[in-house]
Amino acid sequence: MKKSVFLLSILFSITSIAQEKTKKQLAEESLKRMQQRIEAFYKERNKQDSIFNANLNAREQDSTHRSDLQIFQDAFKQEKDSTRQERKN
């Protein structure tokens, strides 16, 4: 009887240790997956930022875009100036 209880307590101890290792391994694997997802997110974000910046630079170099921008700025300035004139009168 004592021998059975002793063997059961050893078996229980081994099982408990195995469960703790399993929990630790699961936590480590979960952390690793989370880090991989974060790295993938930032990699994709940097890729999208690079594409956006390249497109922005291309638009800024485009003469049509620059002339459209100049027209908008001139119209905005004229509107602003006319509004000031109306307020003075």
Protein backbone atom coordinates (compact mmCIF):
# COMPACT_ATOMS: atom_id res chain seq x y z
CA MET A 1 0.00 0.00 0.00
CA LYS A 2 2.73 2.44 0.96
CA LYS A 3 4.57 1.55 -2.20
CA SER A 4 1.49 2.30 -4.32
CA VAL A 5 0.97 5.66 -2.63
CA PHE A 6 4.64 6.50 -3.13
CA LEU A 7 4.50 5.54 -6.82
CA LEU A 8 1.28 7.51 -7.28
CA SER A 9 2.83 10.59 -5.67
CA ILE A 10 5.87 10.29 -7.97
CA LEU A 11 3.60 9.87 -10.97
CA PHE A 12 1.57 12.90 -9.88
CA SER A 13 4.77 14.95 -9.48
CA ILE A 14 5.98 13.95 -12.95
CA THR A 15 2.59 14.81 -14.43
CA SER A 16 2.57 18.20 -12.69
CA ILE A 17 6.06 19.01 -13.96
CA ALA A 18 5.10 17.96 -17.50
CA GLN A 19 1.99 20.15 -17.37
CA GLU A 20 4.02 23.16 -16.21
CA LYS A 21 6.54 22.63 -19.02
CA THR A 22 3.69 22.34 -21.49
CA LYS A 23 2.14 25.59 -20.22
CA LYS A 24 5.49 27.33 -20.47
CA GLN A 25 6.05 25.99 -23.99
CA LEU A 26 2.57 27.11 -25.05
CA ALA A 27 3.20 30.58 -23.65
CA GLU A 28 6.56 30.80 -25.43
CA GLU A 29 5.03 29.64 -28.72
CA SER A 30 2.20 32.13 -28.34
CA LEU A 31 4.66 34.93 -27.67
CA LYS A 32 6.74 33.92 -30.68
CA ARG A 33 3.66 33.92 -32.94
CA MET A 34 2.66 37.34 -31.62
CA GLN A 35 6.12 38.72 -32.31
CA GLN A 36 6.03 37.28 -35.83
CA ARG A 37 2.65 38.92 -36.47
CA ILE A 38 3.94 42.26 -35.20
CA GLU A 39 7.04 41.98 -37.40
CA ALA A 40 4.89 41.08 -40.42
CA PHE A 41 2.59 44.03 -39.70
CA TYR A 42 5.47 46.51 -39.54
CA LYS A 43 7.09 45.00 -42.62
CA GLU A 44 3.84 45.43 -44.58
CA ARG A 45 3.36 48.92 -43.17
CA ASN A 46 6.87 49.95 -44.24
CA LYS A 47 6.19 48.50 -47.70
CA GLN A 48 2.95 50.49 -47.97
CA ASP A 49 4.70 53.65 -46.73
CA SER A 50 7.39 53.20 -49.37
CA ILE A 51 4.79 52.80 -52.12
CA PHE A 52 2.88 55.85 -50.88
CA ASN A 53 6.03 57.98 -50.73
CA ALA A 54 7.11 56.87 -54.20
CA ASN A 55 3.66 57.77 -55.58
CA LEU A 56 3.72 61.10 -53.77
CA ASN A 57 7.15 61.93 -55.17
CA ALA A 58 6.00 60.98 -58.67
CA ARG A 59 2.93 63.22 -58.36
CA GLU A 60 5.07 66.11 -57.12
CA GLN A 61 7.30 65.74 -60.18
CA ASP A 62 4.34 65.62 -62.55
CA SER A 63 3.86 68.98 -64.30
CA THR A 64 0.07 68.53 -64.52
CA HIS A 65 -0.15 67.99 -60.77
CA ARG A 66 2.02 71.04 -60.11
CA SER A 67 -0.05 73.26 -62.41
CA ASP A 68 -3.30 71.99 -60.82
CA LEU A 69 -1.84 72.72 -57.41
CA GLN A 70 -0.82 76.21 -58.52
CA ILE A 71 -4.32 76.88 -59.89
CA PHE A 72 -5.84 75.76 -56.58
CA GLN A 73 -3.44 77.92 -54.57
CA ASP A 74 -4.12 80.96 -56.78
CA ALA A 75 -7.89 80.48 -56.52
CA PHE A 76 -7.64 80.05 -52.76
CA LYS A 77 -5.54 83.23 -52.47
CA GLN A 78 -7.99 85.20 -54.60
CA GLU A 79 -10.91 84.01 -52.49
CA LYS A 80 -9.06 84.88 -49.32
CA ASP A 81 -8.20 88.33 -50.63
CA SER A 82 -11.77 89.02 -51.76
CA THR A 83 -13.07 87.94 -48.37
CA ARG A 84 -10.73 90.40 -46.67
CA GLN A 85 -11.89 93.17 -49.01
CA GLU A 86 -15.53 92.42 -48.20
CA ARG A 87 -14.83 92.59 -44.48
CA LYS A 88 -13.10 95.95 -44.82
CA ASN A 89 -16.07 97.41 -46.68
